[in-house]
C-alpha atoms as a PDB file:
ATOM      1  CA  MET A   1     -25.633  -7.723 -18.200  1.00  0.00           C
ATOM      2  CA  PRO A   2     -21.956  -7.446 -17.715  1.00  0.00           C
ATOM      3  CA  HIS A   3     -20.322  -5.316 -20.044  1.00  0.00           C
ATOM      4  CA  HIS A   4     -16.915  -7.030 -21.697  1.00  0.00           C
ATOM      5  CA  LEU A   5     -13.835  -4.697 -22.669  1.00  0.00           C
ATOM      6  CA  ASP A   6     -12.936  -4.899 -25.954  1.00  0.00           C
ATOM      7  CA  ARG A   7      -9.484  -6.297 -26.438  1.00  0.00           C
ATOM      8  CA  GLU A   8      -8.139  -2.760 -28.036  1.00  0.00           C
ATOM      9  CA  THR A   9      -9.083  -1.183 -24.662  1.00  0.00           C
ATOM     10  CA  ALA A  10      -7.805  -4.234 -23.025  1.00  0.00           C
ATOM     11  CA  ASP A  11      -4.624  -3.663 -24.429  1.00  0.00           C
ATOM     12  CA  ARG A  12      -4.591   0.074 -23.796  1.00  0.00           C
ATOM     13  CA  VAL A  13      -5.522   0.079 -19.972  1.00  0.00           C
ATOM     14  CA  SER A  14      -2.853  -3.309 -20.011  1.00  0.00           C
ATOM     15  CA  VAL A  15      -0.039  -0.918 -21.256  1.00  0.00           C
ATOM     16  CA  GLY A  16      -1.013   2.374 -19.261  1.00  0.00           C
ATOM     17  CA  LEU A  17      -1.036   0.706 -16.190  1.00  0.00           C
ATOM     18  CA  VAL A  18       2.463  -1.369 -17.102  1.00  0.00           C
ATOM     19  CA  ARG A  19       3.595   2.126 -18.385  1.00  0.00           C
ATOM     20  CA  LEU A  20       2.543   3.650 -15.342  1.00  0.00           C
ATOM     21  CA  VAL A  21       3.794   1.161 -12.652  1.00  0.00           C
ATOM     22  CA  LYS A  22       7.726   1.726 -14.186  1.00  0.00           C
ATOM     23  CA  LEU A  23       7.132   5.111 -14.231  1.00  0.00           C
ATOM     24  CA  LEU A  24       6.504   5.748 -10.451  1.00  0.00           C
ATOM     25  CA  GLN A  25       9.219   2.840  -9.909  1.00  0.00           C
ATOM     26  CA  SER A  26      11.552   4.783 -11.711  1.00  0.00           C
ATOM     27  CA  LEU A  27      10.719   8.287  -9.922  1.00  0.00           C
ATOM     28  CA  ARG A  28      10.599   6.086  -6.478  1.00  0.00           C
ATOM     29  CA  GLN A  29      14.295   5.835  -6.865  1.00  0.00           C
ATOM     30  CA  HIS A  30      15.042   9.390  -7.817  1.00  0.00           C
ATOM     31  CA  ALA A  31      12.689  11.139  -4.882  1.00  0.00           C
ATOM     32  CA  PRO A  32      14.568  12.501  -2.162  1.00  0.00           C
ATOM     33  CA  ARG A  33      14.334  11.079   1.284  1.00  0.00           C
ATOM     34  CA  ILE A  34      12.110  12.958   3.343  1.00  0.00           C
ATOM     35  CA  HIS A  35      13.875  11.580   6.308  1.00  0.00           C
ATOM     36  CA  PRO A  36      17.372  10.647   6.017  1.00  0.00           C
ATOM     37  CA  ALA A  37      17.042   6.687   7.415  1.00  0.00           C
ATOM     38  CA  VAL A  38      13.757   5.846   5.570  1.00  0.00           C
ATOM     39  CA  ASP A  39      13.782   4.296   2.521  1.00  0.00           C
ATOM     40  CA  ALA A  40      10.735   4.899   0.554  1.00  0.00           C
ATOM     41  CA  THR A  41       9.711   1.114   0.553  1.00  0.00           C
ATOM     42  CA  ALA A  42       8.508   1.434   4.102  1.00  0.00           C
ATOM     43  CA  TYR A  43       6.218   4.204   3.491  1.00  0.00           C
ATOM     44  CA  PRO A  44       3.308   1.843   3.097  1.00  0.00           C
ATOM     45  CA  VAL A  45       4.276   0.497   6.778  1.00  0.00           C
ATOM     46  CA  LEU A  46       3.789   3.924   8.266  1.00  0.00           C
ATOM     47  CA  PHE A  47       0.636   4.818   6.318  1.00  0.00           C
ATOM     48  CA  ASN A  48      -1.109   1.410   7.175  1.00  0.00           C
ATOM     49  CA  LEU A  49      -0.606   2.263  11.022  1.00  0.00           C
ATOM     50  CA  ALA A  50      -2.087   5.671  10.690  1.00  0.00           C
ATOM     51  CA  ALA A  51      -5.103   4.478  11.093  1.00  0.00           C
ATOM     52  CA  GLU A  52      -5.051   2.284  14.409  1.00  0.00           C
ATOM     53  CA  PRO A  53      -1.867  -0.080  15.819  1.00  0.00           C
ATOM     54  CA  ARG A  54      -1.871  -3.453  14.196  1.00  0.00           C
ATOM     55  CA  ARG A  55       0.513  -7.130  14.421  1.00  0.00           C
ATOM     56  CA  VAL A  56       3.077  -7.468  12.238  1.00  0.00           C
ATOM     57  CA  SER A  57       1.771 -10.540  10.625  1.00  0.00           C
ATOM     58  CA  ALA A  58      -1.526  -7.897  10.413  1.00  0.00           C
ATOM     59  CA  LEU A  59       0.565  -5.180   9.374  1.00  0.00           C
ATOM     60  CA  ALA A  60       1.942  -7.760   6.120  1.00  0.00           C
ATOM     61  CA  GLU A  61      -0.850  -8.561   5.234  1.00  0.00           C
ATOM     62  CA  CYS A  62      -2.324  -5.029   4.709  1.00  0.00           C
ATOM     63  CA  VAL A  63       0.618  -4.324   2.574  1.00  0.00           C
ATOM     64  CA  HIS A  64       0.966  -7.542   0.375  1.00  0.00           C
ATOM     65  CA  SER A  65       4.591  -8.579   1.542  1.00  0.00           C
ATOM     66  CA  ASP A  66       5.815 -11.287   3.650  1.00  0.00           C
ATOM     67  CA  VAL A  67       6.545 -11.218   7.561  1.00  0.00           C
ATOM     68  CA  SER A  68       9.697 -11.593   8.001  1.00  0.00           C
ATOM     69  CA  THR A  69      10.490  -8.536   5.696  1.00  0.00           C
ATOM     70  CA  VAL A  70       7.829  -6.357   7.446  1.00  0.00           C
ATOM     71  CA  SER A  71       9.232  -7.521  10.316  1.00  0.00           C
ATOM     72  CA  ARG A  72      12.964  -6.070   9.263  1.00  0.00           C
ATOM     73  CA  GLN A  73      11.300  -2.593   8.287  1.00  0.00           C
ATOM     74  CA  VAL A  74       9.279  -2.600  11.670  1.00  0.00           C
ATOM     75  CA  SER A  75      12.352  -2.999  13.926  1.00  0.00           C
ATOM     76  CA  ALA A  76      14.184  -0.890  11.737  1.00  0.00           C
ATOM     77  CA  LEU A  77      11.339   2.266  11.998  1.00  0.00           C
ATOM     78  CA  VAL A  78      11.374   1.130  15.515  1.00  0.00           C
ATOM     79  CA  GLY A  79      15.224   1.768  15.977  1.00  0.00           C
ATOM     80  CA  HIS A  80      14.348   5.529  14.829  1.00  0.00           C
ATOM     81  CA  GLY A  81      11.857   6.115  17.017  1.00  0.00           C
ATOM     82  CA  LEU A  82       9.067   6.184  14.123  1.00  0.00           C
ATOM     83  CA  LEU A  83       7.450   3.352  15.630  1.00  0.00           C
ATOM     84  CA  ASP A  84       6.296   2.210  19.285  1.00  0.00           C
ATOM     85  CA  LYS A  85       6.177  -1.896  20.172  1.00  0.00           C
ATOM     86  CA  VAL A  86       2.764  -2.082  22.811  1.00  0.00           C
ATOM     87  CA  SER A  87       1.107  -4.449  24.357  1.00  0.00           C
ATOM     88  CA  ASP A  88      -1.831  -5.711  21.919  1.00  0.00           C
ATOM     89  CA  PRO A  89      -5.168  -4.488  24.135  1.00  0.00           C
ATOM     90  CA  ASP A  90      -6.646  -7.956  22.765  1.00  0.00           C
ATOM     91  CA  ASP A  91      -4.055 -10.015  24.083  1.00  0.00           C
ATOM     92  CA  GLY A  92      -1.524  -8.971  26.645  1.00  0.00           C
ATOM     93  CA  ARG A  93       0.588 -11.574  25.034  1.00  0.00           C
ATOM     94  CA  ALA A  94       1.076 -10.205  21.717  1.00  0.00           C
ATOM     95  CA  GLN A  95       2.590  -6.829  20.702  1.00  0.00           C
ATOM     96  CA  VAL A  96       1.065  -4.204  18.255  1.00  0.00           C
ATOM     97  CA  VAL A  97       3.188  -1.869  16.135  1.00  0.00           C
ATOM     98  CA  ARG A  98       2.014   2.150  16.094  1.00  0.00           C
ATOM     99  CA  LEU A  99       3.337   5.447  15.435  1.00  0.00           C
ATOM    100  CA  SER A 100       5.321   7.152  17.583  1.00  0.00           C
ATOM    101  CA  ASP A 101       4.408  11.149  17.373  1.00  0.00           C
ATOM    102  CA  GLU A 102       7.820  11.305  15.460  1.00  0.00           C
ATOM    103  CA  GLY A 103       6.442   8.908  13.017  1.00  0.00           C
ATOM    104  CA  HIS A 104       2.928  10.834  12.990  1.00  0.00           C
ATOM    105  CA  ALA A 105       4.968  14.006  12.151  1.00  0.00           C
ATOM    106  CA  LEU A 106       6.777  12.253   9.173  1.00  0.00           C
ATOM    107  CA  LEU A 107       3.198  10.488   7.928  1.00  0.00           C
ATOM    108  CA  ASP A 108       2.246  14.245   7.913  1.00  0.00           C
ATOM    109  CA  SER A 109       5.293  15.072   5.713  1.00  0.00           C
ATOM    110  CA  ILE A 110       5.587  12.340   3.498  1.00  0.00           C
ATOM    111  CA  ARG A 111       1.620  13.230   2.544  1.00  0.00           C
ATOM    112  CA  ALA A 112       1.893  16.958   2.252  1.00  0.00           C
ATOM    113  CA  GLN A 113       4.089  16.440   0.146  1.00  0.00           C
ATOM    114  CA  ARG A 114       2.848  13.126  -2.233  1.00  0.00           C
ATOM    115  CA  ASN A 115      -0.331  15.935  -2.583  1.00  0.00           C
ATOM    116  CA  GLU A 116       1.773  18.873  -3.240  1.00  0.00           C
ATOM    117  CA  TRP A 117       3.629  16.949  -6.049  1.00  0.00           C
ATOM    118  CA  PHE A 118       0.145  15.363  -7.394  1.00  0.00           C
ATOM    119  CA  ARG A 119      -1.319  19.343  -7.245  1.00  0.00           C
ATOM    120  CA  GLU A 120       0.918  20.008  -9.598  1.00  0.00           C
ATOM    121  CA  LEU A 121       1.532  17.129 -12.240  1.00  0.00           C
ATOM    122  CA  MET A 122      -2.600  17.460 -12.721  1.00  0.00           C
ATOM    123  CA  ASP A 123      -2.754  21.004 -12.708  1.00  0.00           C
ATOM    124  CA  ASP A 124      -3.743  21.343 -15.973  1.00  0.00           C
ATOM    125  CA  TRP A 125      -7.120  18.823 -15.583  1.00  0.00           C
ATOM    126  CA  THR A 126      -9.942  20.182 -14.364  1.00  0.00           C
ATOM    127  CA  PRO A 127     -11.281  19.185 -11.125  1.00  0.00           C
ATOM    128  CA  GLU A 128     -13.920  17.217 -12.613  1.00  0.00           C
ATOM    129  CA  GLU A 129     -11.402  15.374 -14.640  1.00  0.00           C
ATOM    130  CA  ALA A 130      -9.422  14.933 -11.547  1.00  0.00           C
ATOM    131  CA  SER A 131     -11.890  13.587  -9.541  1.00  0.00           C
ATOM    132  CA  GLU A 132     -13.398  11.209 -12.215  1.00  0.00           C
ATOM    133  CA  PHE A 133      -9.612   9.547 -11.874  1.00  0.00           C
ATOM    134  CA  ALA A 134      -9.656   9.127  -8.521  1.00  0.00           C
ATOM    135  CA  ALA A 135     -12.715   7.938  -8.259  1.00  0.00           C
ATOM    136  CA  HIS A 136     -11.857   5.538 -11.554  1.00  0.00           C
ATOM    137  CA  LEU A 137      -8.712   4.746  -9.399  1.00  0.00           C
ATOM    138  CA  GLU A 138     -10.516   3.682  -6.535  1.00  0.00           C
ATOM    139  CA  ARG A 139     -12.835   1.605  -8.496  1.00  0.00           C
ATOM    140  CA  LEU A 140     -10.017  -0.192  -9.707  1.00  0.00           C
ATOM    141  CA  ALA A 141      -8.199  -0.511  -6.707  1.00  0.00           C
ATOM    142  CA  SER A 142     -11.197  -2.502  -5.488  1.00  0.00           C
ATOM    143  CA  ALA A 143     -11.186  -4.884  -7.953  1.00  0.00           C
ATOM    144  CA  LEU A 144      -7.549  -5.849  -7.705  1.00  0.00           C
ATOM    145  CA  GLU A 145      -8.438  -6.416  -3.680  1.00  0.00           C
ATOM    146  CA  THR A 146     -11.203  -8.404  -5.224  1.00  0.00           C
ATOM    147  CA  SER A 147      -9.095  -9.969  -7.476  1.00  0.00           C
ATOM    148  CA  ARG A 148      -6.247 -10.979  -4.849  1.00  0.00           C
ATOM    149  CA  GLU A 149      -8.802 -12.094  -2.545  1.00  0.00           C
ATOM    150  CA  SER A 150     -10.295 -14.753  -4.826  1.00  0.00           C
ATOM    151  CA  PHE A 151      -6.820 -15.769  -6.024  1.00  0.00           C
ATOM    152  CA  THR A 152      -5.542 -16.504  -2.345  1.00  0.00           C
ATOM    153  CA  ALA A 153      -8.634 -18.116  -1.118  1.00  0.00           C
ATOM    154  CA  ARG A 154      -8.329 -20.487  -4.405  1.00  0.00           C
ATOM    155  CA  ARG A 155      -4.695 -21.171  -3.766  1.00  0.00           C
ATOM    156  CA  THR A 156      -5.329 -22.057  -0.412  1.00  0.00           C
ATOM    157  CA  THR A 157      -8.195 -24.292  -1.141  1.00  0.00           C
ATOM    158  CA  PRO A 158      -6.858 -27.582  -0.449  1.00  0.00           C
ATOM    159  CA  ILE A 159      -7.284 -29.519  -3.325  1.00  0.00           C
ATOM    160  CA  PRO A 160      -9.376 -32.980  -3.310  1.00  0.00           C
ATOM    161  CA  THR A 161      -7.946 -36.204  -3.209  1.00  0.00           C
ATOM    162  CA  THR A 162      -9.228 -39.401  -3.612  1.00  0.00           C
ATOM    163  CA  GLU A 163      -7.978 -42.131  -2.065  1.00  0.00           C
ATOM    164  CA  ASN A 164      -9.049 -46.238  -2.537  1.00  0.00           C
END
């Protein structure tokens, strides 16, 4: 039997998440640049290439952005030596982008600074509280991804028409 969130808790979650997003956006604007030529908006591109090289179109889907925006970010990152374009091993006619050695080093630096910031931010949390919070965040992110996939599938399903 599904458990439904009561309105008060749903409101607390909604208000809390909006506040959190706004605070993170505000902090992002004031965060020091780890690489002088890389804006923090390009970080998701770097993080999504850590696991494997990807085509720009697949990368755009991973970072929930349009292909033209990601293509511009990729070109800038290639220009700064952080990404390499190489032939797609599955289709030699296409290209994929991957992190260069400098890109890997930058990503390691970003990850280390981010992790240290969160350790300081949550210094008064017990390890159990922090671990539970991480598990809840992962669960919420999975639910959001499922909701997004469902929404996207509904948007792309053609509306049946009847012809006389």
